[in-house]
Amino acid sequence: MASTDPEHREDEEAAAAGEDEDTGAQVAPIVKLEEVAVTTGEEEEDPILDLKAKLYRFDKDGNQWKERGVGTVKLLKHKESGRVRLVMRQSKTLKICANHLGSISTPNFRVCFCFSNR
């Protein structure tokens, strides 16, 4: 709120002018970080499926489903062996919350997706 007193008005104008003023100060980094190559483990695999999903686990004690994570689910097929891996990473942290290895050609590899438009 602007003041009607001339002394306060001059102080406010000086403070506003001081905000725009460049002090010329330079800050040097304390620690020098070098670039590091990051590998995800997905370099030797081709994505078959890539979609956003929620992962739930069943809590036997409470007899209810609990959310395990929200993120992207990928089905990745290895280039050499042909094995398929299901990987789910959380959206913000990119932590792995599901990692299952199988093969589409074997009958015991089952994937179940539940879709909802809610």
PDB file of N, CA and C in Angstrom:
ATOM      1  N   MET A   1       0.841  -1.168   0.000  1.00  0.00           N
ATOM      2  CA  MET A   1       0.000   0.000   0.000  1.00  0.00           C
ATOM      3  C   MET A   1       0.876   1.217   0.000  1.00  0.00           C
ATOM      4  N   ALA A   2       0.612   2.173  -0.879  1.00  0.00           N
ATOM      5  CA  ALA A   2       1.420   3.383  -1.008  1.00  0.00           C
ATOM      6  C   ALA A   2       1.130   4.319   0.148  1.00  0.00           C
ATOM      7  N   SER A   3       2.164   4.958   0.621  1.00  0.00           N
ATOM      8  CA  SER A   3       2.049   5.871   1.751  1.00  0.00           C
ATOM      9  C   SER A   3       1.885   7.296   1.246  1.00  0.00           C
ATOM     10  N   THR A   4       1.166   8.142   2.019  1.00  0.00           N
ATOM     11  CA  THR A   4       1.003   9.545   1.635  1.00  0.00           C
ATOM     12  C   THR A   4       2.110  10.393   2.230  1.00  0.00           C
ATOM     13  N   ASP A   5       2.862   9.871   3.185  1.00  0.00           N
ATOM     14  CA  ASP A   5       3.955  10.607   3.806  1.00  0.00           C
ATOM     15  C   ASP A   5       5.112  10.704   2.806  1.00  0.00           C
ATOM     16  N   PRO A   6       5.660  11.915   2.532  1.00  0.00           N
ATOM     17  CA  PRO A   6       6.728  12.068   1.530  1.00  0.00           C
ATOM     18  C   PRO A   6       7.991  11.274   1.866  1.00  0.00           C
ATOM     19  N   GLU A   7       8.350  11.132   3.149  1.00  0.00           N
ATOM     20  CA  GLU A   7       9.568  10.398   3.514  1.00  0.00           C
ATOM     21  C   GLU A   7       9.427   8.915   3.166  1.00  0.00           C
ATOM     22  N   HIS A   8       8.270   8.330   3.487  1.00  0.00           N
ATOM     23  CA  HIS A   8       8.039   6.920   3.187  1.00  0.00           C
ATOM     24  C   HIS A   8       7.964   6.687   1.687  1.00  0.00           C
ATOM     25  N   ARG A   9       7.400   7.645   0.950  1.00  0.00           N
ATOM     26  CA  ARG A   9       7.283   7.511  -0.488  1.00  0.00           C
ATOM     27  C   ARG A   9       8.665   7.476  -1.134  1.00  0.00           C
ATOM     28  N   GLU A  10       9.597   8.300  -0.655  1.00  0.00           N
ATOM     29  CA  GLU A  10      10.959   8.312  -1.200  1.00  0.00           C
ATOM     30  C   GLU A  10      11.669   6.988  -0.901  1.00  0.00           C
ATOM     31  N   ASP A  11      11.436   6.436   0.307  1.00  0.00           N
ATOM     32  CA  ASP A  11      12.048   5.158   0.660  1.00  0.00           C
ATOM     33  C   ASP A  11      11.532   4.031  -0.237  1.00  0.00           C
ATOM     34  N   GLU A  12      10.230   4.032  -0.514  1.00  0.00           N
ATOM     35  CA  GLU A  12       9.633   3.013  -1.380  1.00  0.00           C
ATOM     36  C   GLU A  12      10.169   3.121  -2.803  1.00  0.00           C
ATOM     37  N   GLU A  13      10.320   4.356  -3.309  1.00  0.00           N
ATOM     38  CA  GLU A  13      10.852   4.541  -4.668  1.00  0.00           C
ATOM     39  C   GLU A  13      12.305   4.098  -4.734  1.00  0.00           C
ATOM     40  N   ALA A  14      13.092   4.364  -3.696  1.00  0.00           N
ATOM     41  CA  ALA A  14      14.500   3.948  -3.671  1.00  0.00           C
ATOM     42  C   ALA A  14      14.603   2.423  -3.617  1.00  0.00           C
ATOM     43  N   ALA A  15      13.729   1.786  -2.849  1.00  0.00           N
ATOM     44  CA  ALA A  15      13.748   0.323  -2.765  1.00  0.00           C
ATOM     45  C   ALA A  15      13.361  -0.298  -4.095  1.00  0.00           C
ATOM     46  N   ALA A  16      12.372   0.289  -4.776  1.00  0.00           N
ATOM     47  CA  ALA A  16      11.959  -0.217  -6.085  1.00  0.00           C
ATOM     48  C   ALA A  16      13.065  -0.023  -7.108  1.00  0.00           C
ATOM     49  N   ALA A  17      13.780   1.076  -7.047  1.00  0.00           N
ATOM     50  CA  ALA A  17      14.883   1.316  -7.980  1.00  0.00           C
ATOM     51  C   ALA A  17      16.044   0.372  -7.678  1.00  0.00           C
ATOM     52  N   GLY A  18      16.242   0.018  -6.403  1.00  0.00           N
ATOM     53  CA  GLY A  18      17.325  -0.889  -6.014  1.00  0.00           C
ATOM     54  C   GLY A  18      17.097  -2.311  -6.512  1.00  0.00           C
ATOM     55  N   GLU A  19      15.860  -2.721  -6.716  1.00  0.00           N
ATOM     56  CA  GLU A  19      15.562  -4.061  -7.207  1.00  0.00           C
ATOM     57  C   GLU A  19      16.048  -4.242  -8.636  1.00  0.00           C
ATOM     58  N   ASP A  20      15.953  -3.197  -9.442  1.00  0.00           N
ATOM     59  CA  ASP A  20      16.348  -3.275 -10.841  1.00  0.00           C
ATOM     60  C   ASP A  20      17.838  -3.078 -11.030  1.00  0.00           C
ATOM     61  N   GLU A  21      18.533  -2.586 -10.032  1.00  0.00           N
ATOM     62  CA  GLU A  21      19.948  -2.274 -10.156  1.00  0.00           C
ATOM     63  C   GLU A  21      20.781  -3.543 -10.162  1.00  0.00           C
ATOM     64  N   ASP A  22      21.739  -3.635 -11.096  1.00  0.00           N
ATOM     65  CA  ASP A  22      22.626  -4.790 -11.192  1.00  0.00           C
ATOM     66  C   ASP A  22      23.839  -4.541 -10.313  1.00  0.00           C
ATOM     67  N   THR A  23      24.117  -5.456  -9.383  1.00  0.00           N
ATOM     68  CA  THR A  23      25.236  -5.275  -8.462  1.00  0.00           C
ATOM     69  C   THR A  23      26.558  -5.720  -9.077  1.00  0.00           C
ATOM     70  N   GLY A  24      26.515  -6.511 -10.119  1.00  0.00           N
ATOM     71  CA  GLY A  24      27.734  -6.969 -10.777  1.00  0.00           C
ATOM     72  C   GLY A  24      28.398  -8.132 -10.051  1.00  0.00           C
ATOM     73  N   ALA A  25      27.741  -8.679  -9.058  1.00  0.00           N
ATOM     74  CA  ALA A  25      28.311  -9.800  -8.306  1.00  0.00           C
ATOM     75  C   ALA A  25      28.270 -11.068  -9.150  1.00  0.00           C
ATOM     76  N   GLN A  26      29.356 -11.821  -9.093  1.00  0.00           N
ATOM     77  CA  GLN A  26      29.430 -13.090  -9.807  1.00  0.00           C
ATOM     78  C   GLN A  26      29.698 -14.201  -8.799  1.00  0.00           C
ATOM     79  N   VAL A  27      28.974 -15.294  -8.949  1.00  0.00           N
ATOM     80  CA  VAL A  27      29.119 -16.414  -8.036  1.00  0.00           C
ATOM     81  C   VAL A  27      29.750 -17.573  -8.794  1.00  0.00           C
ATOM     82  N   ALA A  28      30.899 -18.032  -8.300  1.00  0.00           N
ATOM     83  CA  ALA A  28      31.581 -19.166  -8.925  1.00  0.00           C
ATOM     84  C   ALA A  28      31.090 -20.458  -8.276  1.00  0.00           C
ATOM     85  N   PRO A  29      30.990 -21.551  -9.040  1.00  0.00           N
ATOM     86  CA  PRO A  29      30.537 -22.822  -8.447  1.00  0.00           C
ATOM     87  C   PRO A  29      31.546 -23.338  -7.428  1.00  0.00           C
ATOM     88  N   ILE A  30      31.040 -23.916  -6.349  1.00  0.00           N
ATOM     89  CA  ILE A  30      31.902 -24.444  -5.292  1.00  0.00           C
ATOM     90  C   ILE A  30      32.474 -25.796  -5.701  1.00  0.00           C
ATOM     91  N   VAL A  31      31.627 -26.633  -6.294  1.00  0.00           N
ATOM     92  CA  VAL A  31      32.041 -27.970  -6.709  1.00  0.00           C
ATOM     93  C   VAL A  31      31.892 -28.074  -8.215  1.00  0.00           C
ATOM     94  N   LYS A  32      32.898 -28.618  -8.864  1.00  0.00           N
ATOM     95  CA  LYS A  32      32.826 -28.804 -10.303  1.00  0.00           C
ATOM     96  C   LYS A  32      32.396 -30.247 -10.590  1.00  0.00           C
ATOM     97  N   LEU A  33      31.248 -30.393 -11.262  1.00  0.00           N
ATOM     98  CA  LEU A  33      30.714 -31.719 -11.577  1.00  0.00           C
ATOM     99  C   LEU A  33      31.006 -32.056 -13.028  1.00  0.00           C
ATOM    100  N   GLU A  34      31.408 -33.286 -13.242  1.00  0.00           N
ATOM    101  CA  GLU A  34      31.670 -33.744 -14.596  1.00  0.00           C
ATOM    102  C   GLU A  34      30.482 -34.551 -15.100  1.00  0.00           C
ATOM    103  N   GLU A  35      30.312 -34.577 -16.402  1.00  0.00           N
ATOM    104  CA  GLU A  35      29.201 -35.311 -17.005  1.00  0.00           C
ATOM    105  C   GLU A  35      29.444 -36.811 -16.881  1.00  0.00           C
ATOM    106  N   VAL A  36      28.400 -37.522 -16.477  1.00  0.00           N
ATOM    107  CA  VAL A  36      28.487 -38.963 -16.260  1.00  0.00           C
ATOM    108  C   VAL A  36      27.514 -39.650 -17.208  1.00  0.00           C
ATOM    109  N   ALA A  37      27.969 -40.719 -17.852  1.00  0.00           N
ATOM    110  CA  ALA A  37      27.091 -41.493 -18.731  1.00  0.00           C
ATOM    111  C   ALA A  37      26.182 -42.372 -17.875  1.00  0.00           C
ATOM    112  N   VAL A  38      24.883 -42.257 -18.085  1.00  0.00           N
ATOM    113  CA  VAL A  38      23.898 -43.011 -17.307  1.00  0.00           C
ATOM    114  C   VAL A  38      23.315 -44.106 -18.196  1.00  0.00           C
ATOM    115  N   THR A  39      23.309 -45.335 -17.683  1.00  0.00           N
ATOM    116  CA  THR A  39      22.705 -46.444 -18.423  1.00  0.00           C
ATOM    117  C   THR A  39      21.464 -46.904 -17.684  1.00  0.00           C
ATOM    118  N   THR A  40      20.408 -47.193 -18.423  1.00  0.00           N
ATOM    119  CA  THR A  40      19.155 -47.631 -17.828  1.00  0.00           C
ATOM    120  C   THR A  40      19.004 -49.144 -17.849  1.00  0.00           C
ATOM    121  N   GLY A  41      19.838 -49.831 -18.617  1.00  0.00           N
ATOM    122  CA  GLY A  41      19.695 -51.272 -18.766  1.00  0.00           C
ATOM    123  C   GLY A  41      18.756 -51.636 -19.894  1.00  0.00           C
ATOM    124  N   GLU A  42      18.211 -50.633 -20.574  1.00  0.00           N
ATOM    125  CA  GLU A  42      17.272 -50.858 -21.665  1.00  0.00           C
ATOM    126  C   GLU A  42      17.922 -50.643 -23.034  1.00  0.00           C
ATOM    127  N   GLU A  43      19.220 -50.515 -23.064  1.00  0.00           N
ATOM    128  CA  GLU A  43      19.918 -50.221 -24.316  1.00  0.00           C
ATOM    129  C   GLU A  43      19.880 -51.384 -25.300  1.00  0.00           C
ATOM    130  N   GLU A  44      19.894 -52.615 -24.803  1.00  0.00           N
ATOM    131  CA  GLU A  44      19.915 -53.815 -25.661  1.00  0.00           C
ATOM    132  C   GLU A  44      18.516 -54.344 -25.948  1.00  0.00           C
ATOM    133  N   GLU A  45      17.486 -53.542 -25.673  1.00  0.00           N
ATOM    134  CA  GLU A  45      16.109 -54.010 -25.818  1.00  0.00           C
ATOM    135  C   GLU A  45      15.296 -53.051 -26.681  1.00  0.00           C
ATOM    136  N   ASP A  46      14.348 -53.615 -27.418  1.00  0.00           N
ATOM    137  CA  ASP A  46      13.435 -52.826 -28.247  1.00  0.00           C
ATOM    138  C   ASP A  46      12.079 -52.741 -27.549  1.00  0.00           C
ATOM    139  N   PRO A  47      11.497 -51.535 -27.481  1.00  0.00           N
ATOM    140  CA  PRO A  47      10.180 -51.426 -26.838  1.00  0.00           C
ATOM    141  C   PRO A  47       9.074 -51.987 -27.722  1.00  0.00           C
ATOM    142  N   ILE A  48       8.242 -52.837 -27.140  1.00  0.00           N
ATOM    143  CA  ILE A  48       7.070 -53.384 -27.823  1.00  0.00           C
ATOM    144  C   ILE A  48       5.848 -52.554 -27.459  1.00  0.00           C
ATOM    145  N   LEU A  49       5.769 -52.173 -26.193  1.00  0.00           N
ATOM    146  CA  LEU A  49       4.618 -51.441 -25.674  1.00  0.00           C
ATOM    147  C   LEU A  49       5.119 -50.379 -24.701  1.00  0.00           C
ATOM    148  N   ASP A  50       4.523 -49.193 -24.744  1.00  0.00           N
ATOM    149  CA  ASP A  50       4.903 -48.104 -23.849  1.00  0.00           C
ATOM    150  C   ASP A  50       3.648 -47.302 -23.528  1.00  0.00           C
ATOM    151  N   LEU A  51       3.183 -47.365 -22.267  1.00  0.00           N
ATOM    152  CA  LEU A  51       1.972 -46.630 -21.897  1.00  0.00           C
ATOM    153  C   LEU A  51       2.006 -46.244 -20.429  1.00  0.00           C
ATOM    154  N   LYS A  52       1.151 -45.263 -20.058  1.00  0.00           N
ATOM    155  CA  LYS A  52       1.036 -44.828 -18.668  1.00  0.00           C
ATOM    156  C   LYS A  52       0.070 -45.754 -17.938  1.00  0.00           C
ATOM    157  N   ALA A  53       0.383 -46.037 -16.665  1.00  0.00           N
ATOM    158  CA  ALA A  53      -0.454 -46.967 -15.903  1.00  0.00           C
ATOM    159  C   ALA A  53      -0.276 -46.743 -14.411  1.00  0.00           C
ATOM    160  N   LYS A  54      -1.163 -47.393 -13.653  1.00  0.00           N
ATOM    161  CA  LYS A  54      -1.052 -47.450 -12.203  1.00  0.00           C
ATOM    162  C   LYS A  54      -0.816 -48.907 -11.826  1.00  0.00           C
ATOM    163  N   LEU A  55       0.031 -49.120 -10.839  1.00  0.00           N
ATOM    164  CA  LEU A  55       0.333 -50.464 -10.367  1.00  0.00           C
ATOM    165  C   LEU A  55      -0.260 -50.626  -8.970  1.00  0.00           C
ATOM    166  N   TYR A  56      -0.988 -51.722  -8.770  1.00  0.00           N
ATOM    167  CA  TYR A  56      -1.598 -52.016  -7.480  1.00  0.00           C
ATOM    168  C   TYR A  56      -1.070 -53.339  -6.955  1.00  0.00           C
ATOM    169  N   ARG A  57      -1.074 -53.471  -5.638  1.00  0.00           N
ATOM    170  CA  ARG A  57      -0.752 -54.745  -4.990  1.00  0.00           C
ATOM    171  C   ARG A  57      -1.893 -55.074  -4.038  1.00  0.00           C
ATOM    172  N   PHE A  58      -2.100 -56.363  -3.790  1.00  0.00           N
ATOM    173  CA  PHE A  58      -3.188 -56.768  -2.915  1.00  0.00           C
ATOM    174  C   PHE A  58      -2.666 -56.949  -1.507  1.00  0.00           C
ATOM    175  N   ASP A  59      -3.272 -56.262  -0.552  1.00  0.00           N
ATOM    176  CA  ASP A  59      -2.919 -56.366   0.855  1.00  0.00           C
ATOM    177  C   ASP A  59      -3.836 -57.392   1.511  1.00  0.00           C
ATOM    178  N   LYS A  60      -3.269 -58.537   1.900  1.00  0.00           N
ATOM    179  CA  LYS A  60      -4.083 -59.617   2.473  1.00  0.00           C
ATOM    180  C   LYS A  60      -4.634 -59.238   3.848  1.00  0.00           C
ATOM    181  N   ASP A  61      -3.851 -58.498   4.631  1.00  0.00           N
ATOM    182  CA  ASP A  61      -4.299 -58.139   5.977  1.00  0.00           C
ATOM    183  C   ASP A  61      -5.520 -57.225   5.926  1.00  0.00           C
ATOM    184  N   GLY A  62      -5.475 -56.215   5.061  1.00  0.00           N
ATOM    185  CA  GLY A  62      -6.591 -55.293   4.949  1.00  0.00           C
ATOM    186  C   GLY A  62      -7.635 -55.741   3.955  1.00  0.00           C
ATOM    187  N   ASN A  63      -7.336 -56.809   3.213  1.00  0.00           N
ATOM    188  CA  ASN A  63      -8.225 -57.345   2.185  1.00  0.00           C
ATOM    189  C   ASN A  63      -8.642 -56.261   1.184  1.00  0.00           C
ATOM    190  N   GLN A  64      -7.627 -55.536   0.681  1.00  0.00           N
ATOM    191  CA  GLN A  64      -7.890 -54.462  -0.281  1.00  0.00           C
ATOM    192  C   GLN A  64      -6.680 -54.254  -1.191  1.00  0.00           C
ATOM    193  N   TRP A  65      -6.916 -53.558  -2.285  1.00  0.00           N
ATOM    194  CA  TRP A  65      -5.858 -53.223  -3.223  1.00  0.00           C
ATOM    195  C   TRP A  65      -5.229 -51.902  -2.803  1.00  0.00           C
ATOM    196  N   LYS A  66      -3.887 -51.832  -2.843  1.00  0.00           N
ATOM    197  CA  LYS A  66      -3.161 -50.605  -2.503  1.00  0.00           C
ATOM    198  C   LYS A  66      -2.310 -50.200  -3.691  1.00  0.00           C
ATOM    199  N   GLU A  67      -2.240 -48.895  -3.910  1.00  0.00           N
ATOM    200  CA  GLU A  67      -1.477 -48.382  -5.052  1.00  0.00           C
ATOM    201  C   GLU A  67       0.015 -48.511  -4.779  1.00  0.00           C
ATOM    202  N   ARG A  68       0.735 -49.044  -5.747  1.00  0.00           N
ATOM    203  CA  ARG A  68       2.181 -49.243  -5.632  1.00  0.00           C
ATOM    204  C   ARG A  68       2.947 -48.152  -6.367  1.00  0.00           C
ATOM    205  N   GLY A  69       2.362 -47.621  -7.449  1.00  0.00           N
ATOM    206  CA  GLY A  69       3.042 -46.574  -8.189  1.00  0.00           C
ATOM    207  C   GLY A  69       2.260 -46.146  -9.410  1.00  0.00           C
ATOM    208  N   VAL A  70       2.607 -44.959  -9.907  1.00  0.00           N
ATOM    209  CA  VAL A  70       2.025 -44.404 -11.128  1.00  0.00           C
ATOM    210  C   VAL A  70       3.189 -44.068 -12.042  1.00  0.00           C
ATOM    211  N   GLY A  71       3.111 -44.511 -13.296  1.00  0.00           N
ATOM    212  CA  GLY A  71       4.223 -44.232 -14.203  1.00  0.00           C
ATOM    213  C   GLY A  71       4.037 -44.883 -15.551  1.00  0.00           C
ATOM    214  N   THR A  72       5.152 -45.148 -16.221  1.00  0.00           N
ATOM    215  CA  THR A  72       5.111 -45.743 -17.553  1.00  0.00           C
ATOM    216  C   THR A  72       5.469 -47.225 -17.476  1.00  0.00           C
ATOM    217  N   VAL A  73       4.694 -48.021 -18.185  1.00  0.00           N
ATOM    218  CA  VAL A  73       4.937 -49.458 -18.297  1.00  0.00           C
ATOM    219  C   VAL A  73       5.495 -49.719 -19.688  1.00  0.00           C
ATOM    220  N   LYS A  74       6.544 -50.529 -19.746  1.00  0.00           N
ATOM    221  CA  LYS A  74       7.140 -50.888 -21.031  1.00  0.00           C
ATOM    222  C   LYS A  74       7.290 -52.397 -21.109  1.00  0.00           C
ATOM    223  N   LEU A  75       6.959 -52.941 -22.266  1.00  0.00           N
ATOM    224  CA  LEU A  75       7.325 -54.313 -22.593  1.00  0.00           C
ATOM    225  C   LEU A  75       8.534 -54.202 -23.504  1.00  0.00           C
ATOM    226  N   LEU A  76       9.657 -54.742 -23.058  1.00  0.00           N
ATOM    227  CA  LEU A  76      10.914 -54.625 -23.789  1.00  0.00           C
ATOM    228  C   LEU A  76      11.375 -55.998 -24.244  1.00  0.00           C
ATOM    229  N   LYS A  77      11.681 -56.125 -25.536  1.00  0.00           N
ATOM    230  CA  LYS A  77      12.144 -57.393 -26.104  1.00  0.00           C
ATOM    231  C   LYS A  77      13.643 -57.296 -26.346  1.00  0.00           C
ATOM    232  N   HIS A  78      14.381 -58.266 -25.782  1.00  0.00           N
ATOM    233  CA  HIS A  78      15.834 -58.282 -25.950  1.00  0.00           C
ATOM    234  C   HIS A  78      16.180 -58.606 -27.399  1.00  0.00           C
ATOM    235  N   LYS A  79      17.163 -57.901 -27.953  1.00  0.00           N
ATOM    236  CA  LYS A  79      17.512 -58.046 -29.374  1.00  0.00           C
ATOM    237  C   LYS A  79      18.094 -59.407 -29.693  1.00  0.00           C
ATOM    238  N   GLU A  80      18.868 -59.985 -28.792  1.00  0.00           N
ATOM    239  CA  GLU A  80      19.534 -61.257 -29.080  1.00  0.00           C
ATOM    240  C   GLU A  80      18.731 -62.468 -28.607  1.00  0.00           C
ATOM    241  N   SER A  81      18.309 -62.465 -27.359  1.00  0.00           N
ATOM    242  CA  SER A  81      17.662 -63.654 -26.796  1.00  0.00           C
ATOM    243  C   SER A  81      16.169 -63.719 -27.091  1.00  0.00           C
ATOM    244  N   GLY A  82      15.523 -62.601 -27.372  1.00  0.00           N
ATOM    245  CA  GLY A  82      14.096 -62.593 -27.651  1.00  0.00           C
ATOM    246  C   GLY A  82      13.231 -62.617 -26.409  1.00  0.00           C
ATOM    247  N   ARG A  83      13.852 -62.596 -25.226  1.00  0.00           N
ATOM    248  CA  ARG A  83      13.078 -62.587 -23.982  1.00  0.00           C
ATOM    249  C   ARG A  83      12.426 -61.228 -23.791  1.00  0.00           C
ATOM    250  N   VAL A  84      11.267 -61.241 -23.181  1.00  0.00           N
ATOM    251  CA  VAL A  84      10.495 -60.017 -22.978  1.00  0.00           C
ATOM    252  C   VAL A  84      10.484 -59.678 -21.496  1.00  0.00           C
ATOM    253  N   ARG A  85      10.660 -58.395 -21.218  1.00  0.00           N
ATOM    254  CA  ARG A  85      10.695 -57.922 -19.842  1.00  0.00           C
ATOM    255  C   ARG A  85       9.650 -56.827 -19.667  1.00  0.00           C
ATOM    256  N   LEU A  86       8.909 -56.880 -18.579  1.00  0.00           N
ATOM    257  CA  LEU A  86       7.961 -55.839 -18.236  1.00  0.00           C
ATOM    258  C   LEU A  86       8.636 -54.940 -17.203  1.00  0.00           C
ATOM    259  N   VAL A  87       8.754 -53.652 -17.516  1.00  0.00           N
ATOM    260  CA  VAL A  87       9.391 -52.685 -16.628  1.00  0.00           C
ATOM    261  C   VAL A  87       8.430 -51.535 -16.401  1.00  0.00           C
ATOM    262  N   MET A  88       8.259 -51.154 -15.143  1.00  0.00           N
ATOM    263  CA  MET A  88       7.457 -49.975 -14.821  1.00  0.00           C
ATOM    264  C   MET A  88       8.292 -49.051 -13.964  1.00  0.00           C
ATOM    265  N   ARG A  89       8.336 -47.773 -14.381  1.00  0.00           N
ATOM    266  CA  ARG A  89       9.063 -46.745 -13.633  1.00  0.00           C
ATOM    267  C   ARG A  89       8.091 -45.686 -13.150  1.00  0.00           C
ATOM    268  N   GLN A  90       8.306 -45.185 -11.933  1.00  0.00           N
ATOM    269  CA  GLN A  90       7.461 -44.131 -11.400  1.00  0.00           C
ATOM    270  C   GLN A  90       7.688 -42.839 -12.171  1.00  0.00           C
ATOM    271  N   SER A  91       6.652 -42.030 -12.284  1.00  0.00           N
ATOM    272  CA  SER A  91       6.688 -40.841 -13.136  1.00  0.00           C
ATOM    273  C   SER A  91       7.741 -39.823 -12.722  1.00  0.00           C
ATOM    274  N   LYS A  92       7.751 -39.387 -11.488  1.00  0.00           N
ATOM    275  CA  LYS A  92       8.627 -38.289 -11.081  1.00  0.00           C
ATOM    276  C   LYS A  92      10.031 -38.742 -10.725  1.00  0.00           C
ATOM    277  N   THR A  93      10.150 -39.852 -10.018  1.00  0.00           N
ATOM    278  CA  THR A  93      11.463 -40.285  -9.538  1.00  0.00           C
ATOM    279  C   THR A  93      12.167 -41.230 -10.497  1.00  0.00           C
ATOM    280  N   LEU A  94      11.441 -41.821 -11.431  1.00  0.00           N
ATOM    281  CA  LEU A  94      11.944 -42.819 -12.381  1.00  0.00           C
ATOM    282  C   LEU A  94      12.495 -44.069 -11.692  1.00  0.00           C
ATOM    283  N   LYS A  95      12.042 -44.321 -10.459  1.00  0.00           N
ATOM    284  CA  LYS A  95      12.420 -45.552  -9.770  1.00  0.00           C
ATOM    285  C   LYS A  95      11.626 -46.717 -10.353  1.00  0.00           C
ATOM    286  N   ILE A  96      12.261 -47.880 -10.394  1.00  0.00           N
ATOM    287  CA  ILE A  96      11.591 -49.074 -10.906  1.00  0.00           C
ATOM    288  C   ILE A  96      10.660 -49.615  -9.831  1.00  0.00           C
ATOM    289  N   CYS A  97       9.380 -49.780 -10.179  1.00  0.00           N
ATOM    290  CA  CYS A  97       8.426 -50.358  -9.221  1.00  0.00           C
ATOM    291  C   CYS A  97       7.939 -51.729  -9.688  1.00  0.00           C
ATOM    292  N   ALA A  98       8.257 -52.132 -10.915  1.00  0.00           N
ATOM    293  CA  ALA A  98       7.952 -53.482 -11.397  1.00  0.00           C
ATOM    294  C   ALA A  98       8.997 -53.861 -12.432  1.00  0.00           C
ATOM    295  N   ASN A  99       9.512 -55.098 -12.321  1.00  0.00           N
ATOM    296  CA  ASN A  99      10.517 -55.589 -13.255  1.00  0.00           C
ATOM    297  C   ASN A  99      10.356 -57.106 -13.327  1.00  0.00           C
ATOM    298  N   HIS A 100       9.718 -57.592 -14.397  1.00  0.00           N
ATOM    299  CA  HIS A 100       9.435 -59.023 -14.535  1.00  0.00           C
ATOM    300  C   HIS A 100       9.964 -59.515 -15.865  1.00  0.00           C
ATOM    301  N   LEU A 101      10.675 -60.637 -15.838  1.00  0.00           N
ATOM    302  CA  LEU A 101      11.268 -61.211 -17.034  1.00  0.00           C
ATOM    303  C   LEU A 101      10.489 -62.446 -17.445  1.00  0.00           C
ATOM    304  N   GLY A 102      10.277 -62.583 -18.748  1.00  0.00           N
ATOM    305  CA  GLY A 102       9.568 -63.752 -19.260  1.00  0.00           C
ATOM    306  C   GLY A 102       9.844 -63.910 -20.736  1.00  0.00           C
ATOM    307  N   SER A 103       9.112 -64.760 -21.377  1.00  0.00           N
ATOM    308  CA  SER A 103       9.227 -64.969 -22.807  1.00  0.00           C
ATOM    309  C   SER A 103       7.829 -65.140 -23.364  1.00  0.00           C
ATOM    310  N   ILE A 104       7.530 -64.423 -24.431  1.00  0.00           N
ATOM    311  CA  ILE A 104       6.197 -64.501 -25.024  1.00  0.00           C
ATOM    312  C   ILE A 104       5.929 -65.899 -25.563  1.00  0.00           C
ATOM    313  N   SER A 105       6.971 -66.593 -26.006  1.00  0.00           N
ATOM    314  CA  SER A 105       6.769 -67.905 -26.609  1.00  0.00           C
ATOM    315  C   SER A 105       6.451 -68.983 -25.565  1.00  0.00           C
ATOM    316  N   THR A 106       6.759 -68.734 -24.283  1.00  0.00           N
ATOM    317  CA  THR A 106       6.463 -69.749 -23.273  1.00  0.00           C
ATOM    318  C   THR A 106       5.038 -69.564 -22.760  1.00  0.00           C
ATOM    319  N   PRO A 107       4.329 -70.653 -22.470  1.00  0.00           N
ATOM    320  CA  PRO A 107       2.936 -70.539 -22.049  1.00  0.00           C
ATOM    321  C   PRO A 107       2.757 -69.971 -20.646  1.00  0.00           C
ATOM    322  N   ASN A 108       3.808 -69.983 -19.805  1.00  0.00           N
ATOM    323  CA  ASN A 108       3.635 -69.512 -18.439  1.00  0.00           C
ATOM    324  C   ASN A 108       3.855 -67.996 -18.304  1.00  0.00           C
ATOM    325  N   PHE A 109       4.108 -67.279 -19.386  1.00  0.00           N
ATOM    326  CA  PHE A 109       4.258 -65.823 -19.337  1.00  0.00           C
ATOM    327  C   PHE A 109       2.899 -65.194 -19.619  1.00  0.00           C
ATOM    328  N   ARG A 110       2.296 -64.642 -18.596  1.00  0.00           N
ATOM    329  CA  ARG A 110       0.972 -64.042 -18.744  1.00  0.00           C
ATOM    330  C   ARG A 110       1.030 -62.596 -18.305  1.00  0.00           C
ATOM    331  N   VAL A 111       0.412 -61.751 -19.086  1.00  0.00           N
ATOM    332  CA  VAL A 111       0.326 -60.337 -18.752  1.00  0.00           C
ATOM    333  C   VAL A 111      -1.141 -59.952 -18.750  1.00  0.00           C
ATOM    334  N   CYS A 112      -1.574 -59.301 -17.702  1.00  0.00           N
ATOM    335  CA  CYS A 112      -2.960 -58.883 -17.601  1.00  0.00           C
ATOM    336  C   CYS A 112      -2.995 -57.371 -17.421  1.00  0.00           C
ATOM    337  N   PHE A 113      -3.721 -56.693 -18.293  1.00  0.00           N
ATOM    338  CA  PHE A 113      -3.874 -55.250 -18.166  1.00  0.00           C
ATOM    339  C   PHE A 113      -5.344 -54.959 -17.906  1.00  0.00           C
ATOM    340  N   CYS A 114      -5.623 -54.092 -16.972  1.00  0.00           N
ATOM    341  CA  CYS A 114      -6.988 -53.638 -16.695  1.00  0.00           C
ATOM    342  C   CYS A 114      -7.066 -52.179 -17.058  1.00  0.00           C
ATOM    343  N   PHE A 115      -7.953 -51.833 -17.952  1.00  0.00           N
ATOM    344  CA  PHE A 115      -8.104 -50.459 -18.408  1.00  0.00           C
ATOM    345  C   PHE A 115      -9.352 -49.845 -17.803  1.00  0.00           C
ATOM    346  N   SER A 116      -9.246 -48.581 -17.457  1.00  0.00           N
ATOM    347  CA  SER A 116     -10.389 -47.863 -16.908  1.00  0.00           C
ATOM    348  C   SER A 116     -10.356 -46.447 -17.438  1.00  0.00           C
ATOM    349  N   ASN A 117     -11.513 -45.898 -17.748  1.00  0.00           N
ATOM    350  CA  ASN A 117     -11.569 -44.528 -18.249  1.00  0.00           C
ATOM    351  C   ASN A 117     -12.054 -43.547 -17.188  1.00  0.00           C
ATOM    352  N   ARG A 118     -11.945 -43.906 -15.935  1.00  0.00           N
ATOM    353  CA  ARG A 118     -12.364 -43.022 -14.856  1.00  0.00           C
ATOM    354  C   ARG A 118     -11.343 -41.982 -14.576  1.00  0.00           C
TER     355      ARG A 118
END
